Amino acid sequence: MMTNQHTKNTFGKFLLLWSGQLISAIGSGLTSFGLGIYIFEQTGKASAMALIILLAFLPALLLSPVAGVLADRYDRRLLMVLGDSLSVVGLLYILFCLLQGEAQLWQIGLGVTLSSIFSSLMEPAYKATVTDLLDEDQYTKASGLVQVAGSAKYLISPVIAGYLLSVSDIKLLLMIDIFTFFVTVVTTLVVRSGLASKKYEQEKSFFREFKAGWSAVSGNRGVLILVMMASLLTFFLGFVQTLSLPMILSFSDSAVAGTLETVMASGMLVTSLLIGFLSIKKGYVKMLSLSLFFAGIFMMIFGLRENILLIGISGFLLFAMMPFANTSLDFLIRTNIENSVQGRAWAIIGFISQLGYVIAYAISGVLADFVFTPMLIKHGVLADSVGKILGTGSGRGTGFLILIAGILLSVTAGFIYQIDCIKKLENRGKLCITELSATTL
């Protein structure tokens, strides 16, 4: 009975922490959607939007290994509070520039970069805190709920942002996002007050602790290969993340774009809730492979036509596949890494697996604006061939690029199920471990 009560208490603390992250995600989504619309209206370029996405993403990624070491050395909840509070600095700078008139692209870039630097403290500490709070049996349920919070920026925020932009402007969205940090800080501090910070044995140097995190990942061949495959998968997914909004805005307006983003993200909400209430016990590798395979198919359909209904349905189904893939990855990795190095390990895992996003963000906008779009406008080199299927116009090159990424995603997903060491991760007692040389480490 004591065990059941303890489980309820710890899951209750997780729910409180999660609620703060949900509010924060909604605020971040308002800013993200609003800035995307603002930049596209100012420049008309997918590459400009991709640049801001890259600047918002890259600093946090580069600093994540350092943040992971900090998450294992210091109070994880305090790091979350500091990261969320200080990230407001970048938003305040963008708001100040907008209050002075129109914000330039470089000013928005500087603001999102500053915000990203401080936000890097949060992710490893948050993931490790989930492990602190919960038992292994609760991991998949928690993973589903965490993904609900993550999907809020796509599900709830676009609808709110679309309405607010019709009666106000981007400045109001920024102010709301700035004030959401109070809720996050309060919920995190409440959880911190009732949870003793676990003290793990620390190495003598910062570098050795970083190396210990890398060893936890690289010492298990299955985990290492899975993380490397995840990097390839994020590369393909990065194209649809970056180019979906410019593609929709090329033939519609911000209100339609906001509605479509909400419809698409509702797919992620449905399956996240399903995973949260139904515990999954086995078949994680198969679920990972199948979900990504079908995600690629729906990406292909997403880029096929400038049709609101087709885009909405395919986008919904695409997002619906993501929680299955994320939950599978989360479980396979989390159960094969010691808790004492989870902060460092998750930071390194995040760094490697998300390198694909960095490359996609860096090249997708440029390819769309200067290579694929010219080929599929009227009289373009592909107008009389591919254009007969996809159509021609300013957004058709972007759609073609998304379609190609979807094909490659499905092909890659098929390979994952053929890798034995990844399959063995489901049996914790039979890990596929390899000894790597000191020079490799």
Protein backbone atom coordinates (compact mmCIF):
# COMPACT_ATOMS: atom_id res chain seq x y z
CA MET A 1 0.00 0.00 0.00
CA MET A 2 2.88 2.33 0.81
CA THR A 3 4.34 1.60 -2.57
CA ASN A 4 1.09 2.52 -4.34
CA GLN A 5 0.83 5.73 -2.33
CA HIS A 6 4.42 6.63 -3.14
CA THR A 7 3.75 6.01 -6.84
CA LYS A 8 0.70 8.29 -6.75
CA ASN A 9 2.64 11.04 -4.98
CA THR A 10 5.56 10.98 -7.39
CA PHE A 11 3.28 10.91 -10.44
CA GLY A 12 1.35 13.83 -8.96
CA LYS A 13 4.59 15.82 -8.73
CA PHE A 14 5.35 14.92 -12.32
CA LEU A 15 1.91 16.18 -13.38
CA LEU A 16 2.53 19.49 -11.61
CA LEU A 17 5.89 19.89 -13.31
CA TRP A 18 4.33 18.86 -16.62
CA SER A 19 1.57 21.46 -16.30
CA GLY A 20 4.17 24.21 -16.03
CA GLN A 21 5.91 22.92 -19.14
CA LEU A 22 2.55 22.83 -20.94
CA ILE A 23 1.93 26.53 -20.22
CA SER A 24 5.48 27.36 -21.28
CA ALA A 25 5.06 25.43 -24.54
CA ILE A 26 1.88 27.33 -25.37
CA GLY A 27 3.67 30.64 -24.83
CA SER A 28 6.65 29.56 -26.93
CA GLY A 29 4.27 28.43 -29.67
CA LEU A 30 2.64 31.87 -29.79
CA THR A 31 6.03 33.49 -30.35
CA SER A 32 7.17 30.89 -32.86
CA PHE A 33 4.04 31.11 -35.00
CA GLY A 34 3.85 34.89 -34.76
CA LEU A 35 7.49 35.41 -35.72
CA GLY A 36 7.12 32.99 -38.63
CA ILE A 37 4.21 34.98 -40.05
CA TYR A 38 5.98 38.29 -39.39
CA ILE A 39 9.21 37.20 -41.14
CA PHE A 40 7.43 35.71 -44.17
CA GLU A 41 5.33 38.87 -44.58
CA GLN A 42 8.48 41.00 -44.41
CA THR A 43 10.70 38.92 -46.71
CA GLY A 44 8.55 36.40 -48.62
CA LYS A 45 11.43 33.91 -48.34
CA ALA A 46 11.42 30.40 -46.86
CA SER A 47 15.18 30.78 -46.36
CA ALA A 48 14.64 33.73 -43.99
CA MET A 49 12.25 31.68 -41.88
CA ALA A 50 14.64 28.73 -41.92
CA LEU A 51 17.49 30.97 -40.74
CA ILE A 52 15.53 32.09 -37.67
CA ILE A 53 14.55 28.49 -36.91
CA LEU A 54 18.23 27.52 -37.14
CA LEU A 55 19.34 30.37 -34.85
CA ALA A 56 16.67 29.41 -32.32
CA PHE A 57 17.72 25.76 -32.40
CA LEU A 58 21.51 25.62 -32.86
CA PRO A 59 22.77 27.32 -29.65
CA ALA A 60 20.67 25.07 -27.43
CA LEU A 61 21.89 22.03 -29.33
CA LEU A 62 25.57 22.99 -29.15
CA LEU A 63 25.34 23.73 -25.44
CA SER A 64 23.26 20.67 -24.55
CA PRO A 65 26.25 18.42 -23.66
CA VAL A 66 27.46 21.06 -21.20
CA ALA A 67 23.92 21.44 -19.86
CA GLY A 68 23.78 17.68 -19.41
CA VAL A 69 26.87 17.67 -17.21
CA LEU A 70 25.38 20.50 -15.15
CA ALA A 71 22.15 18.50 -14.78
CA ASP A 72 24.11 15.69 -13.11
CA ARG A 73 26.32 17.96 -10.98
CA TYR A 74 23.77 20.45 -9.67
CA ASP A 75 20.11 20.75 -8.66
CA ARG A 76 18.12 19.83 -11.77
CA ARG A 77 15.03 21.77 -10.75
CA LEU A 78 17.04 24.92 -10.06
CA LEU A 79 18.65 24.67 -13.51
CA MET A 80 15.18 24.52 -15.04
CA VAL A 81 14.15 27.68 -13.19
CA LEU A 82 17.30 29.55 -14.25
CA GLY A 83 17.05 28.44 -17.86
CA ASP A 84 13.41 29.44 -18.24
CA SER A 85 13.84 32.77 -16.45
CA LEU A 86 16.95 33.90 -18.32
CA SER A 87 15.54 32.87 -21.72
CA VAL A 88 13.13 35.78 -21.36
CA VAL A 89 16.04 38.16 -22.06
CA GLY A 90 15.99 37.36 -25.78
CA LEU A 91 12.23 37.83 -26.01
CA LEU A 92 12.45 41.18 -24.22
CA TYR A 93 15.06 42.33 -26.75
CA ILE A 94 12.83 41.43 -29.73
CA LEU A 95 9.87 43.15 -28.07
CA PHE A 96 11.98 46.28 -27.48
CA CYS A 97 12.99 46.37 -31.16
CA LEU A 98 9.36 45.99 -32.26
CA LEU A 99 8.27 48.82 -29.95
CA GLN A 100 10.82 51.04 -31.70
CA GLY A 101 9.38 50.18 -35.12
CA GLU A 102 9.92 47.19 -37.41
CA ALA A 103 12.40 44.60 -36.14
CA GLN A 104 15.11 43.68 -38.63
CA LEU A 105 15.91 40.07 -39.46
CA TRP A 106 19.28 40.27 -37.66
CA GLN A 107 17.62 41.68 -34.54
CA ILE A 108 15.10 38.83 -34.42
CA GLY A 109 17.96 36.41 -35.01
CA LEU A 110 19.95 37.86 -32.11
CA GLY A 111 16.94 37.69 -29.79
CA VAL A 112 16.07 34.08 -30.52
CA THR A 113 19.75 33.13 -30.19
CA LEU A 114 19.96 34.66 -26.71
CA SER A 115 16.77 32.89 -25.68
CA SER A 116 18.07 29.60 -27.05
CA ILE A 117 21.35 29.85 -25.14
CA PHE A 118 19.60 30.04 -21.77
CA SER A 119 16.90 27.53 -22.72
CA SER A 120 19.64 24.94 -23.24
CA LEU A 121 19.81 24.50 -19.45
CA MET A 122 16.27 23.15 -19.33
CA GLU A 123 15.94 20.08 -21.56
CA PRO A 124 18.52 17.68 -20.02
CA ALA A 125 17.48 18.72 -16.50
CA TYR A 126 13.79 18.16 -17.34
CA LYS A 127 14.35 14.73 -18.89
CA ALA A 128 16.52 13.64 -15.96
CA THR A 129 13.95 14.95 -13.48
CA VAL A 130 11.30 12.75 -15.07
CA THR A 131 13.58 9.78 -14.36
CA ASP A 132 14.08 11.03 -10.77
CA LEU A 133 10.35 11.22 -10.16
CA LEU A 134 9.00 8.09 -11.80
CA ASP A 135 9.34 4.32 -11.79
CA GLU A 136 10.16 2.45 -14.97
CA ASP A 137 6.56 1.28 -15.37
CA GLN A 138 5.47 4.91 -15.59
CA TYR A 139 7.93 5.95 -18.31
CA THR A 140 5.70 5.33 -21.33
CA LYS A 141 2.71 7.02 -19.70
CA ALA A 142 4.85 10.03 -18.82
CA SER A 143 6.35 10.08 -22.32
CA GLY A 144 2.88 10.35 -23.84
CA LEU A 145 1.95 13.26 -21.58
CA VAL A 146 5.27 15.02 -22.19
CA GLN A 147 4.53 14.84 -25.90
CA VAL A 148 1.08 16.36 -25.29
CA ALA A 149 2.82 19.37 -23.74
CA GLY A 150 5.26 19.49 -26.61
CA SER A 151 2.46 19.39 -29.16
CA ALA A 152 0.68 22.33 -27.48
CA LYS A 153 2.82 24.81 -29.39
CA TYR A 154 1.40 23.34 -32.61
CA LEU A 155 -2.09 22.45 -31.41
CA ILE A 156 -3.22 25.28 -29.15
CA SER A 157 -0.87 28.15 -29.96
CA PRO A 158 -1.66 28.63 -33.69
CA VAL A 159 -5.39 29.03 -33.04
CA ILE A 160 -4.79 31.54 -30.26
CA ALA A 161 -2.09 33.33 -32.26
CA GLY A 162 -4.27 33.50 -35.37
CA TYR A 163 -7.09 35.14 -33.40
CA LEU A 164 -4.79 37.54 -31.55
CA LEU A 165 -3.05 38.59 -34.77
CA SER A 166 -6.45 39.51 -36.21
CA VAL A 167 -7.08 41.96 -33.37
CA SER A 168 -3.53 42.94 -32.43
CA ASP A 169 0.03 42.15 -33.57
CA ILE A 170 3.19 40.17 -32.77
CA LYS A 171 4.00 42.34 -29.74
CA LEU A 172 1.02 40.98 -27.80
CA LEU A 173 2.13 37.40 -28.49
CA LEU A 174 5.61 38.15 -27.19
CA MET A 175 4.26 39.71 -24.01
CA ILE A 176 2.08 36.68 -23.28
CA ASP A 177 5.06 34.35 -23.82
CA ILE A 178 7.19 36.45 -21.47
CA PHE A 179 4.62 36.19 -18.68
CA THR A 180 4.18 32.41 -18.99
CA PHE A 181 7.58 31.90 -17.38
CA PHE A 182 6.08 32.82 -13.99
CA VAL A 183 3.84 29.74 -14.07
CA THR A 184 6.73 27.49 -15.08
CA VAL A 185 8.99 28.82 -12.35
CA VAL A 186 6.36 28.43 -9.64
CA THR A 187 5.47 24.83 -10.55
CA THR A 188 9.13 23.85 -10.75
CA LEU A 189 9.91 25.39 -7.37
CA VAL A 190 6.96 23.61 -5.76
CA VAL A 191 8.19 20.26 -7.08
CA ARG A 192 11.71 21.10 -5.98
CA SER A 193 10.58 21.86 -2.42
CA GLY A 194 9.14 18.36 -2.05
CA LEU A 195 11.85 16.42 -3.84
CA ALA A 196 15.34 15.93 -2.52
CA SER A 197 17.96 16.54 -5.16
CA LYS A 198 19.79 13.30 -5.81
CA LYS A 199 23.51 13.49 -5.24
CA TYR A 200 25.44 11.41 -7.70
CA GLU A 201 29.10 10.67 -7.39
CA GLN A 202 30.94 13.34 -9.34
CA GLU A 203 34.09 12.98 -11.37
CA LYS A 204 37.09 15.17 -10.58
CA SER A 205 36.71 17.28 -13.69
CA PHE A 206 34.01 18.65 -15.94
CA PHE A 207 35.58 16.88 -18.94
CA ARG A 208 35.53 13.51 -17.19
CA GLU A 209 31.85 13.90 -16.42
CA PHE A 210 31.16 14.75 -20.05
CA LYS A 211 33.21 11.71 -21.05
CA ALA A 212 31.18 9.53 -18.67
CA GLY A 213 28.00 10.62 -20.44
CA TRP A 214 29.52 9.82 -23.82
CA SER A 215 30.67 6.42 -22.54
CA ALA A 216 27.13 5.62 -21.40
CA VAL A 217 25.94 6.19 -24.97
CA SER A 218 28.84 4.81 -26.99
CA GLY A 219 29.41 1.80 -24.71
CA ASN A 220 26.11 0.30 -25.81
CA ARG A 221 26.30 -0.35 -29.54
CA GLY A 222 22.53 -0.59 -29.91
CA VAL A 223 21.98 2.80 -28.27
CA LEU A 224 24.74 4.41 -30.34
CA ILE A 225 23.40 3.09 -33.64
CA LEU A 226 19.84 4.06 -32.70
CA VAL A 227 20.94 7.61 -31.89
CA MET A 228 22.85 7.86 -35.18
CA MET A 229 19.81 6.65 -37.09
CA ALA A 230 17.71 9.22 -35.24
CA SER A 231 19.99 11.94 -36.61
CA LEU A 232 19.24 10.80 -40.15
CA LEU A 233 15.52 10.71 -39.38
CA THR A 234 15.51 14.24 -37.95
CA PHE A 235 17.20 15.43 -41.13
CA PHE A 236 14.21 14.33 -43.21
CA LEU A 237 11.66 15.56 -40.66
CA GLY A 238 13.41 18.93 -40.53
CA PHE A 239 12.29 19.67 -44.10
CA VAL A 240 8.59 19.44 -43.34
CA GLN A 241 9.03 21.37 -40.08
CA THR A 242 10.78 24.23 -41.87
CA LEU A 243 8.88 24.33 -45.15
CA SER A 244 5.27 23.52 -44.23
CA LEU A 245 4.36 27.07 -43.22
CA PRO A 246 5.95 28.76 -46.29
CA MET A 247 4.25 26.19 -48.55
CA ILE A 248 0.82 26.91 -47.04
CA LEU A 249 1.34 30.69 -47.01
CA SER A 250 2.25 30.60 -50.72
CA PHE A 251 -1.43 30.03 -51.61
CA SER A 252 -3.35 31.03 -48.44
CA ASP A 253 -3.19 33.41 -45.49
CA SER A 254 -2.10 33.28 -41.83
CA ALA A 255 -5.60 32.39 -40.58
CA VAL A 256 -5.73 29.31 -42.81
CA ALA A 257 -2.15 28.43 -41.88
CA GLY A 258 -2.98 28.62 -38.17
CA THR A 259 -6.05 26.44 -38.59
CA LEU A 260 -4.12 23.85 -40.59
CA GLU A 261 -1.32 23.72 -38.01
CA THR A 262 -3.90 23.09 -35.30
CA VAL A 263 -5.60 20.34 -37.32
CA MET A 264 -2.26 18.68 -38.05
CA ALA A 265 -1.04 18.88 -34.46
CA SER A 266 -4.29 17.37 -33.18
CA GLY A 267 -3.05 14.09 -34.63
CA MET A 268 -0.12 14.24 -32.20
CA LEU A 269 -2.51 15.05 -29.35
CA VAL A 270 -4.75 12.07 -30.07
CA THR A 271 -1.99 9.49 -30.14
CA SER A 272 -0.08 11.12 -27.26
CA LEU A 273 -3.16 10.78 -25.06
CA LEU A 274 -3.66 7.23 -26.27
CA ILE A 275 -0.10 6.32 -25.28
CA GLY A 276 -0.51 8.14 -21.98
CA PHE A 277 -3.51 6.03 -20.95
CA LEU A 278 -2.52 2.71 -22.51
CA SER A 279 0.76 1.28 -21.25
CA ILE A 280 2.81 -0.29 -24.03
CA LYS A 281 4.82 -3.29 -22.85
CA LYS A 282 6.66 -4.59 -25.95
CA GLY A 283 7.30 -4.25 -29.67
CA TYR A 284 9.07 -0.88 -29.42
CA VAL A 285 11.43 -1.41 -32.37
CA LYS A 286 8.61 -2.55 -34.64
CA MET A 287 6.47 0.39 -33.52
CA LEU A 288 9.35 2.79 -34.21
CA SER A 289 9.96 1.45 -37.71
CA LEU A 290 6.30 1.33 -38.75
CA SER A 291 5.42 4.77 -37.38
CA LEU A 292 8.31 6.41 -39.23
CA PHE A 293 7.56 4.50 -42.42
CA PHE A 294 3.98 5.78 -42.49
CA ALA A 295 5.14 9.25 -41.45
CA GLY A 296 7.20 9.32 -44.64
CA ILE A 297 4.18 8.26 -46.71
CA PHE A 298 2.06 11.05 -45.23
CA MET A 299 4.88 13.55 -45.86
CA MET A 300 4.77 12.61 -49.53
CA ILE A 301 1.02 13.23 -49.66
CA PHE A 302 1.46 16.50 -47.72
CA GLY A 303 3.62 17.98 -50.45
CA LEU A 304 1.60 16.59 -53.35
CA ARG A 305 -1.00 19.31 -53.96
CA GLU A 306 -2.11 22.80 -52.95
CA ASN A 307 -5.29 21.39 -51.48
CA ILE A 308 -6.38 22.44 -47.98
CA LEU A 309 -8.27 19.20 -47.26
CA LEU A 310 -5.44 16.95 -48.49
CA ILE A 311 -2.83 18.91 -46.53
CA GLY A 312 -4.96 18.84 -43.38
CA ILE A 313 -5.61 15.08 -43.47
CA SER A 314 -2.04 14.08 -44.38
CA GLY A 315 -0.62 16.50 -41.83
CA PHE A 316 -2.90 15.11 -39.13
CA LEU A 317 -1.77 11.54 -39.89
CA LEU A 318 1.89 12.61 -40.09
CA PHE A 319 1.77 14.17 -36.63
CA ALA A 320 -0.17 11.17 -35.32
CA MET A 321 2.84 8.96 -36.08
CA MET A 322 5.32 11.03 -34.07
CA PRO A 323 4.30 10.06 -30.51
CA PHE A 324 4.68 6.37 -31.35
CA ALA A 325 8.18 7.00 -32.70
CA ASN A 326 9.19 9.29 -29.82
CA THR A 327 7.86 6.93 -27.15
CA SER A 328 9.73 4.00 -28.69
CA LEU A 329 12.98 5.93 -28.85
CA ASP A 330 12.53 7.25 -25.33
CA PHE A 331 11.91 3.81 -23.80
CA LEU A 332 14.66 1.99 -25.70
CA ILE A 333 17.24 4.57 -24.64
CA ARG A 334 16.04 5.39 -21.12
CA THR A 335 15.98 1.76 -19.97
CA ASN A 336 19.50 1.11 -21.23
CA ILE A 337 21.31 3.99 -19.49
CA GLU A 338 22.10 4.29 -15.78
CA ASN A 339 20.14 6.99 -13.94
CA SER A 340 23.31 8.52 -12.44
CA VAL A 341 24.47 9.68 -15.88
CA GLN A 342 21.09 10.34 -17.48
CA GLY A 343 21.55 14.12 -17.58
CA ARG A 344 24.85 13.86 -19.42
CA ALA A 345 23.67 10.99 -21.60
CA TRP A 346 20.44 12.70 -22.68
CA ALA A 347 22.35 15.85 -23.56
CA ILE A 348 24.74 13.92 -25.80
CA ILE A 349 21.89 11.89 -27.28
CA GLY A 350 19.99 15.08 -28.03
CA PHE A 351 23.07 16.64 -29.59
CA ILE A 352 23.78 13.73 -31.95
CA SER A 353 20.19 12.86 -32.84
CA GLN A 354 19.25 16.46 -33.62
CA LEU A 355 22.22 17.26 -35.84
CA GLY A 356 19.91 16.24 -38.67
CA TYR A 357 17.64 19.16 -37.84
CA VAL A 358 20.58 21.58 -38.00
CA ILE A 359 21.53 20.46 -41.49
CA ALA A 360 17.90 20.49 -42.67
CA TYR A 361 17.29 23.96 -41.27
CA ALA A 362 20.49 25.24 -42.88
CA ILE A 363 19.79 23.96 -46.40
CA SER A 364 16.01 23.48 -46.75
CA GLY A 365 15.10 27.15 -47.19
CA VAL A 366 17.96 27.77 -49.62
CA LEU A 367 17.05 24.71 -51.68
CA ALA A 368 13.38 25.71 -51.72
CA ASP A 369 13.95 29.36 -52.71
CA PHE A 370 16.83 29.05 -55.15
CA VAL A 371 16.70 25.50 -56.59
CA PHE A 372 13.31 23.79 -56.40
CA THR A 373 10.98 26.80 -56.68
CA PRO A 374 12.57 28.09 -59.93
CA MET A 375 12.20 24.60 -61.42
CA LEU A 376 8.45 24.45 -60.78
CA ILE A 377 7.26 27.93 -61.61
CA LYS A 378 5.75 28.62 -65.03
CA HIS A 379 8.29 27.76 -67.76
CA GLY A 380 10.62 26.17 -65.18
CA VAL A 381 12.72 23.16 -66.21
CA LEU A 382 10.36 20.73 -64.47
CA ALA A 383 7.12 22.55 -65.25
CA ASP A 384 6.22 20.23 -68.13
CA SER A 385 7.18 17.00 -66.30
CA VAL A 386 6.92 17.00 -62.51
CA GLY A 387 4.74 20.09 -62.77
CA LYS A 388 2.06 18.06 -64.56
CA ILE A 389 1.67 16.03 -61.34
CA LEU A 390 2.41 18.53 -58.57
CA GLY A 391 1.32 21.69 -60.32
CA THR A 392 3.33 24.87 -60.80
CA GLY A 393 3.63 28.03 -58.75
CA SER A 394 5.66 29.69 -56.01
CA GLY A 395 5.01 26.93 -53.46
CA ARG A 396 5.28 23.85 -55.65
CA GLY A 397 9.06 23.55 -55.41
CA THR A 398 8.69 23.53 -51.65
CA GLY A 399 6.08 20.79 -51.89
CA PHE A 400 8.34 18.74 -54.15
CA LEU A 401 11.19 19.02 -51.64
CA ILE A 402 8.92 17.81 -48.81
CA LEU A 403 7.77 14.90 -50.98
CA ILE A 404 11.36 13.79 -51.64
CA ALA A 405 12.18 13.97 -47.91
CA GLY A 406 9.14 11.79 -47.20
CA ILE A 407 10.32 9.10 -49.61
CA LEU A 408 13.76 9.01 -47.98
CA LEU A 409 12.21 8.86 -44.49
CA SER A 410 10.16 5.79 -45.36
CA VAL A 411 13.17 4.04 -46.88
CA THR A 412 15.30 4.75 -43.80
CA ALA A 413 12.55 3.52 -41.45
CA GLY A 414 12.61 0.18 -43.22
CA PHE A 415 16.31 -0.25 -42.46
CA ILE A 416 15.87 0.33 -38.73
CA TYR A 417 13.89 -2.88 -38.24
CA GLN A 418 16.72 -4.90 -39.82
CA ILE A 419 19.38 -3.84 -37.27
CA ASP A 420 19.89 -6.58 -34.66
CA CYS A 421 21.56 -4.48 -31.97
CA ILE A 422 18.60 -2.11 -31.93
CA LYS A 423 16.23 -5.06 -31.52
CA LYS A 424 18.25 -6.30 -28.55
CA LEU A 425 17.65 -3.05 -26.65
CA GLU A 426 14.21 -4.37 -25.70
CA ASN A 427 15.90 -7.00 -23.51
CA ARG A 428 17.78 -5.10 -20.82
CA GLY A 429 19.49 -8.27 -19.61
CA LYS A 430 20.98 -8.93 -23.04
CA LEU A 431 22.39 -5.60 -24.04
CA CYS A 432 24.41 -5.38 -27.20
CA ILE A 433 27.56 -3.93 -25.65
CA THR A 434 30.76 -3.24 -27.45
CA GLU A 435 34.13 -2.33 -26.03
CA LEU A 436 35.51 0.72 -27.72
CA SER A 437 39.17 1.72 -27.62
CA ALA A 438 40.45 4.61 -25.55
CA THR A 439 41.27 6.49 -28.73
CA THR A 440 37.64 6.35 -29.80
CA LEU A 441 36.58 7.86 -26.47
